[in-house]
Amino acid sequence: MSSQPKGPASYFPSIEQKYGHPVGHWFALLGEHGSGLKHMELVNWLKSEHGLGHGHANALVAHHLAQAK
């Protein structure tokens, strides 16, 4: 049985390495900024304001919104 993360969490190690912040940093930003915004609005915000790539932004937003439910 593999202990590898699945789904959006599988991107977290590369996000932390590439952007130099723990994923908690990005979740805090999404929590502060994301109230009432849709998935793609949040993805586009991370891309335009923070320079994240599409896949990384999408993984963070997907996980963040799933946890908020």
PDB file of N, CA and C in Angstrom:
ATOM      1  N   MET A   1       0.847  -1.187   0.000  1.00  0.00           N
ATOM      2  CA  MET A   1       0.000   0.000   0.000  1.00  0.00           C
ATOM      3  C   MET A   1       0.889   1.246   0.000  1.00  0.00           C
ATOM      4  N   SER A   2       0.607   2.169  -0.881  1.00  0.00           N
ATOM      5  CA  SER A   2       1.426   3.363  -1.043  1.00  0.00           C
ATOM      6  C   SER A   2       0.997   4.461  -0.082  1.00  0.00           C
ATOM      7  N   SER A   3       1.970   5.198   0.438  1.00  0.00           N
ATOM      8  CA  SER A   3       1.657   6.326   1.309  1.00  0.00           C
ATOM      9  C   SER A   3       1.733   7.649   0.551  1.00  0.00           C
ATOM     10  N   GLN A   4       1.844   7.566  -0.766  1.00  0.00           N
ATOM     11  CA  GLN A   4       1.891   8.762  -1.594  1.00  0.00           C
ATOM     12  C   GLN A   4       0.550   9.488  -1.536  1.00  0.00           C
ATOM     13  N   PRO A   5       0.578  10.817  -1.368  1.00  0.00           N
ATOM     14  CA  PRO A   5      -0.680  11.562  -1.399  1.00  0.00           C
ATOM     15  C   PRO A   5      -1.340  11.451  -2.774  1.00  0.00           C
ATOM     16  N   LYS A   6      -2.626  11.523  -2.777  1.00  0.00           N
ATOM     17  CA  LYS A   6      -3.381  11.439  -4.025  1.00  0.00           C
ATOM     18  C   LYS A   6      -4.153  12.739  -4.230  1.00  0.00           C
ATOM     19  N   GLY A   7      -4.616  12.955  -5.441  1.00  0.00           N
ATOM     20  CA  GLY A   7      -5.408  14.141  -5.742  1.00  0.00           C
ATOM     21  C   GLY A   7      -4.574  15.408  -5.633  1.00  0.00           C
ATOM     22  N   PRO A   8      -5.233  16.505  -5.277  1.00  0.00           N
ATOM     23  CA  PRO A   8      -4.529  17.790  -5.196  1.00  0.00           C
ATOM     24  C   PRO A   8      -3.327  17.774  -4.261  1.00  0.00           C
ATOM     25  N   ALA A   9      -3.400  16.991  -3.191  1.00  0.00           N
ATOM     26  CA  ALA A   9      -2.293  16.958  -2.219  1.00  0.00           C
ATOM     27  C   ALA A   9      -1.000  16.434  -2.829  1.00  0.00           C
ATOM     28  N   SER A  10      -1.096  15.716  -3.930  1.00  0.00           N
ATOM     29  CA  SER A  10       0.123  15.200  -4.564  1.00  0.00           C
ATOM     30  C   SER A  10       0.996  16.329  -5.118  1.00  0.00           C
ATOM     31  N   TYR A  11       0.422  17.499  -5.314  1.00  0.00           N
ATOM     32  CA  TYR A  11       1.158  18.654  -5.813  1.00  0.00           C
ATOM     33  C   TYR A  11       1.855  19.441  -4.698  1.00  0.00           C
ATOM     34  N   PHE A  12       1.465  19.228  -3.444  1.00  0.00           N
ATOM     35  CA  PHE A  12       1.929  20.080  -2.353  1.00  0.00           C
ATOM     36  C   PHE A  12       3.447  20.126  -2.193  1.00  0.00           C
ATOM     37  N   PRO A  13       4.156  18.999  -2.247  1.00  0.00           N
ATOM     38  CA  PRO A  13       5.622  19.092  -2.099  1.00  0.00           C
ATOM     39  C   PRO A  13       6.275  19.959  -3.187  1.00  0.00           C
ATOM     40  N   SER A  14       5.824  19.835  -4.419  1.00  0.00           N
ATOM     41  CA  SER A  14       6.432  20.640  -5.483  1.00  0.00           C
ATOM     42  C   SER A  14       6.029  22.103  -5.368  1.00  0.00           C
ATOM     43  N   ILE A  15       4.828  22.378  -4.868  1.00  0.00           N
ATOM     44  CA  ILE A  15       4.400  23.768  -4.652  1.00  0.00           C
ATOM     45  C   ILE A  15       5.299  24.410  -3.595  1.00  0.00           C
ATOM     46  N   GLU A  16       5.525  23.697  -2.493  1.00  0.00           N
ATOM     47  CA  GLU A  16       6.368  24.243  -1.427  1.00  0.00           C
ATOM     48  C   GLU A  16       7.791  24.471  -1.911  1.00  0.00           C
ATOM     49  N   GLN A  17       8.308  23.541  -2.696  1.00  0.00           N
ATOM     50  CA  GLN A  17       9.675  23.670  -3.203  1.00  0.00           C
ATOM     51  C   GLN A  17       9.790  24.816  -4.201  1.00  0.00           C
ATOM     52  N   LYS A  18       8.857  24.902  -5.120  1.00  0.00           N
ATOM     53  CA  LYS A  18       8.964  25.898  -6.188  1.00  0.00           C
ATOM     54  C   LYS A  18       8.725  27.334  -5.707  1.00  0.00           C
ATOM     55  N   TYR A  19       7.762  27.518  -4.804  1.00  0.00           N
ATOM     56  CA  TYR A  19       7.368  28.880  -4.417  1.00  0.00           C
ATOM     57  C   TYR A  19       7.882  29.305  -3.049  1.00  0.00           C
ATOM     58  N   GLY A  20       8.523  28.372  -2.315  1.00  0.00           N
ATOM     59  CA  GLY A  20       9.185  28.731  -1.072  1.00  0.00           C
ATOM     60  C   GLY A  20       8.278  29.013   0.110  1.00  0.00           C
ATOM     61  N   HIS A  21       7.033  28.594   0.035  1.00  0.00           N
ATOM     62  CA  HIS A  21       6.097  28.770   1.149  1.00  0.00           C
ATOM     63  C   HIS A  21       5.406  27.441   1.417  1.00  0.00           C
ATOM     64  N   PRO A  22       5.090  27.174   2.686  1.00  0.00           N
ATOM     65  CA  PRO A  22       4.306  25.972   2.967  1.00  0.00           C
ATOM     66  C   PRO A  22       2.893  26.139   2.411  1.00  0.00           C
ATOM     67  N   VAL A  23       2.222  25.034   2.149  1.00  0.00           N
ATOM     68  CA  VAL A  23       0.869  25.133   1.586  1.00  0.00           C
ATOM     69  C   VAL A  23      -0.070  25.879   2.527  1.00  0.00           C
ATOM     70  N   GLY A  24       0.211  25.842   3.824  1.00  0.00           N
ATOM     71  CA  GLY A  24      -0.607  26.602   4.771  1.00  0.00           C
ATOM     72  C   GLY A  24      -0.628  28.093   4.463  1.00  0.00           C
ATOM     73  N   HIS A  25       0.468  28.604   3.942  1.00  0.00           N
ATOM     74  CA  HIS A  25       0.540  30.010   3.532  1.00  0.00           C
ATOM     75  C   HIS A  25      -0.495  30.298   2.441  1.00  0.00           C
ATOM     76  N   TRP A  26      -0.552  29.405   1.459  1.00  0.00           N
ATOM     77  CA  TRP A  26      -1.484  29.598   0.339  1.00  0.00           C
ATOM     78  C   TRP A  26      -2.931  29.427   0.791  1.00  0.00           C
ATOM     79  N   PHE A  27      -3.168  28.466   1.709  1.00  0.00           N
ATOM     80  CA  PHE A  27      -4.526  28.282   2.217  1.00  0.00           C
ATOM     81  C   PHE A  27      -4.983  29.492   3.025  1.00  0.00           C
ATOM     82  N   ALA A  28      -4.061  30.101   3.770  1.00  0.00           N
ATOM     83  CA  ALA A  28      -4.403  31.309   4.522  1.00  0.00           C
ATOM     84  C   ALA A  28      -4.773  32.446   3.567  1.00  0.00           C
ATOM     85  N   LEU A  29      -3.998  32.601   2.495  1.00  0.00           N
ATOM     86  CA  LEU A  29      -4.322  33.632   1.509  1.00  0.00           C
ATOM     87  C   LEU A  29      -5.675  33.381   0.862  1.00  0.00           C
ATOM     88  N   LEU A  30      -5.934  32.124   0.518  1.00  0.00           N
ATOM     89  CA  LEU A  30      -7.224  31.791  -0.085  1.00  0.00           C
ATOM     90  C   LEU A  30      -8.367  32.064   0.890  1.00  0.00           C
ATOM     91  N   GLY A  31      -8.147  31.785   2.160  1.00  0.00           N
ATOM     92  CA  GLY A  31      -9.165  32.051   3.166  1.00  0.00           C
ATOM     93  C   GLY A  31      -9.456  33.537   3.325  1.00  0.00           C
ATOM     94  N   GLU A  32      -8.406  34.344   3.238  1.00  0.00           N
ATOM     95  CA  GLU A  32      -8.563  35.795   3.375  1.00  0.00           C
ATOM     96  C   GLU A  32      -9.208  36.408   2.135  1.00  0.00           C
ATOM     97  N   HIS A  33      -8.798  35.943   0.981  1.00  0.00           N
ATOM     98  CA  HIS A  33      -9.213  36.572  -0.276  1.00  0.00           C
ATOM     99  C   HIS A  33     -10.429  35.910  -0.916  1.00  0.00           C
ATOM    100  N   GLY A  34     -10.635  34.627  -0.643  1.00  0.00           N
ATOM    101  CA  GLY A  34     -11.529  33.834  -1.458  1.00  0.00           C
ATOM    102  C   GLY A  34     -12.993  33.828  -1.124  1.00  0.00           C
ATOM    103  N   SER A  35     -13.416  34.555  -0.144  1.00  0.00           N
ATOM    104  CA  SER A  35     -14.811  34.491   0.259  1.00  0.00           C
ATOM    105  C   SER A  35     -15.751  34.841  -0.887  1.00  0.00           C
ATOM    106  N   GLY A  36     -16.584  33.879  -1.253  1.00  0.00           N
ATOM    107  CA  GLY A  36     -17.596  34.107  -2.280  1.00  0.00           C
ATOM    108  C   GLY A  36     -17.115  33.969  -3.708  1.00  0.00           C
ATOM    109  N   LEU A  37     -15.818  33.726  -3.911  1.00  0.00           N
ATOM    110  CA  LEU A  37     -15.310  33.585  -5.272  1.00  0.00           C
ATOM    111  C   LEU A  37     -15.417  32.136  -5.736  1.00  0.00           C
ATOM    112  N   LYS A  38     -15.567  31.978  -7.023  1.00  0.00           N
ATOM    113  CA  LYS A  38     -15.659  30.647  -7.617  1.00  0.00           C
ATOM    114  C   LYS A  38     -14.265  30.070  -7.828  1.00  0.00           C
ATOM    115  N   HIS A  39     -14.248  28.764  -8.085  1.00  0.00           N
ATOM    116  CA  HIS A  39     -12.996  28.026  -8.250  1.00  0.00           C
ATOM    117  C   HIS A  39     -12.046  28.713  -9.232  1.00  0.00           C
ATOM    118  N   MET A  40     -12.491  28.948 -10.439  1.00  0.00           N
ATOM    119  CA  MET A  40     -11.597  29.519 -11.452  1.00  0.00           C
ATOM    120  C   MET A  40     -11.216  30.966 -11.152  1.00  0.00           C
ATOM    121  N   GLU A  41     -12.062  31.685 -10.456  1.00  0.00           N
ATOM    122  CA  GLU A  41     -11.694  33.041 -10.040  1.00  0.00           C
ATOM    123  C   GLU A  41     -10.509  32.990  -9.070  1.00  0.00           C
ATOM    124  N   LEU A  42     -10.539  32.020  -8.156  1.00  0.00           N
ATOM    125  CA  LEU A  42      -9.429  31.866  -7.220  1.00  0.00           C
ATOM    126  C   LEU A  42      -8.163  31.390  -7.925  1.00  0.00           C
ATOM    127  N   VAL A  43      -8.312  30.455  -8.850  1.00  0.00           N
ATOM    128  CA  VAL A  43      -7.155  29.978  -9.621  1.00  0.00           C
ATOM    129  C   VAL A  43      -6.519  31.144 -10.360  1.00  0.00           C
ATOM    130  N   ASN A  44      -7.327  31.922 -11.041  1.00  0.00           N
ATOM    131  CA  ASN A  44      -6.797  33.063 -11.804  1.00  0.00           C
ATOM    132  C   ASN A  44      -6.158  34.101 -10.899  1.00  0.00           C
ATOM    133  N   TRP A  45      -6.696  34.293  -9.707  1.00  0.00           N
ATOM    134  CA  TRP A  45      -6.119  35.232  -8.754  1.00  0.00           C
ATOM    135  C   TRP A  45      -4.726  34.763  -8.313  1.00  0.00           C
ATOM    136  N   LEU A  46      -4.597  33.472  -7.969  1.00  0.00           N
ATOM    137  CA  LEU A  46      -3.277  32.954  -7.574  1.00  0.00           C
ATOM    138  C   LEU A  46      -2.278  33.087  -8.711  1.00  0.00           C
ATOM    139  N   LYS A  47      -2.723  32.848  -9.929  1.00  0.00           N
ATOM    140  CA  LYS A  47      -1.831  32.944 -11.083  1.00  0.00           C
ATOM    141  C   LYS A  47      -1.404  34.385 -11.332  1.00  0.00           C
ATOM    142  N   SER A  48      -2.348  35.305 -11.331  1.00  0.00           N
ATOM    143  CA  SER A  48      -2.023  36.689 -11.690  1.00  0.00           C
ATOM    144  C   SER A  48      -1.341  37.457 -10.564  1.00  0.00           C
ATOM    145  N   GLU A  49      -1.758  37.239  -9.336  1.00  0.00           N
ATOM    146  CA  GLU A  49      -1.217  38.012  -8.220  1.00  0.00           C
ATOM    147  C   GLU A  49       0.021  37.390  -7.580  1.00  0.00           C
ATOM    148  N   HIS A  50       0.155  36.064  -7.707  1.00  0.00           N
ATOM    149  CA  HIS A  50       1.236  35.384  -6.996  1.00  0.00           C
ATOM    150  C   HIS A  50       2.129  34.554  -7.902  1.00  0.00           C
ATOM    151  N   GLY A  51       1.845  34.535  -9.186  1.00  0.00           N
ATOM    152  CA  GLY A  51       2.718  33.881 -10.154  1.00  0.00           C
ATOM    153  C   GLY A  51       2.716  32.360 -10.132  1.00  0.00           C
ATOM    154  N   LEU A  52       1.681  31.751  -9.568  1.00  0.00           N
ATOM    155  CA  LEU A  52       1.613  30.301  -9.560  1.00  0.00           C
ATOM    156  C   LEU A  52       1.229  29.790 -10.947  1.00  0.00           C
ATOM    157  N   GLY A  53       1.699  28.598 -11.261  1.00  0.00           N
ATOM    158  CA  GLY A  53       1.287  27.936 -12.487  1.00  0.00           C
ATOM    159  C   GLY A  53      -0.140  27.435 -12.346  1.00  0.00           C
ATOM    160  N   HIS A  54      -0.770  27.145 -13.467  1.00  0.00           N
ATOM    161  CA  HIS A  54      -2.173  26.747 -13.461  1.00  0.00           C
ATOM    162  C   HIS A  54      -2.413  25.474 -12.633  1.00  0.00           C
ATOM    163  N   GLY A  55      -1.610  24.442 -12.846  1.00  0.00           N
ATOM    164  CA  GLY A  55      -1.806  23.190 -12.124  1.00  0.00           C
ATOM    165  C   GLY A  55      -1.645  23.341 -10.631  1.00  0.00           C
ATOM    166  N   HIS A  56      -0.646  24.106 -10.220  1.00  0.00           N
ATOM    167  CA  HIS A  56      -0.422  24.325  -8.794  1.00  0.00           C
ATOM    168  C   HIS A  56      -1.555  25.135  -8.179  1.00  0.00           C
ATOM    169  N   ALA A  57      -1.960  26.196  -8.852  1.00  0.00           N
ATOM    170  CA  ALA A  57      -3.066  27.009  -8.349  1.00  0.00           C
ATOM    171  C   ALA A  57      -4.350  26.184  -8.268  1.00  0.00           C
ATOM    172  N   ASN A  58      -4.606  25.391  -9.289  1.00  0.00           N
ATOM    173  CA  ASN A  58      -5.808  24.571  -9.323  1.00  0.00           C
ATOM    174  C   ASN A  58      -5.808  23.556  -8.173  1.00  0.00           C
ATOM    175  N   ALA A  59      -4.676  22.932  -7.906  1.00  0.00           N
ATOM    176  CA  ALA A  59      -4.581  21.961  -6.813  1.00  0.00           C
ATOM    177  C   ALA A  59      -4.850  22.618  -5.464  1.00  0.00           C
ATOM    178  N   LEU A  60      -4.274  23.788  -5.224  1.00  0.00           N
ATOM    179  CA  LEU A  60      -4.498  24.489  -3.965  1.00  0.00           C
ATOM    180  C   LEU A  60      -5.956  24.873  -3.787  1.00  0.00           C
ATOM    181  N   VAL A  61      -6.555  25.415  -4.834  1.00  0.00           N
ATOM    182  CA  VAL A  61      -7.956  25.841  -4.759  1.00  0.00           C
ATOM    183  C   VAL A  61      -8.877  24.640  -4.566  1.00  0.00           C
ATOM    184  N   ALA A  62      -8.640  23.575  -5.306  1.00  0.00           N
ATOM    185  CA  ALA A  62      -9.489  22.381  -5.183  1.00  0.00           C
ATOM    186  C   ALA A  62      -9.453  21.846  -3.754  1.00  0.00           C
ATOM    187  N   HIS A  63      -8.260  21.758  -3.178  1.00  0.00           N
ATOM    188  CA  HIS A  63      -8.134  21.255  -1.807  1.00  0.00           C
ATOM    189  C   HIS A  63      -8.783  22.222  -0.813  1.00  0.00           C
ATOM    190  N   HIS A  64      -8.533  23.491  -0.985  1.00  0.00           N
ATOM    191  CA  HIS A  64      -9.089  24.511  -0.100  1.00  0.00           C
ATOM    192  C   HIS A  64     -10.614  24.473  -0.106  1.00  0.00           C
ATOM    193  N   LEU A  65     -11.207  24.404  -1.286  1.00  0.00           N
ATOM    194  CA  LEU A  65     -12.665  24.396  -1.367  1.00  0.00           C
ATOM    195  C   LEU A  65     -13.256  23.089  -0.830  1.00  0.00           C
ATOM    196  N   ALA A  66     -12.569  21.982  -1.045  1.00  0.00           N
ATOM    197  CA  ALA A  66     -13.051  20.701  -0.514  1.00  0.00           C
ATOM    198  C   ALA A  66     -13.042  20.710   1.021  1.00  0.00           C
ATOM    199  N   GLN A  67     -12.023  21.324   1.600  1.00  0.00           N
ATOM    200  CA  GLN A  67     -11.925  21.390   3.057  1.00  0.00           C
ATOM    201  C   GLN A  67     -12.976  22.328   3.637  1.00  0.00           C
ATOM    202  N   ALA A  68     -13.396  23.321   2.870  1.00  0.00           N
ATOM    203  CA  ALA A  68     -14.369  24.299   3.346  1.00  0.00           C
ATOM    204  C   ALA A  68     -15.787  23.725   3.392  1.00  0.00           C
ATOM    205  N   LYS A  69     -16.011  22.619   2.688  1.00  0.00           N
ATOM    206  CA  LYS A  69     -17.352  22.031   2.646  1.00  0.00           C
ATOM    207  C   LYS A  69     -17.688  21.314   3.926  1.00  0.00           C
TER     208      LYS A  69
END
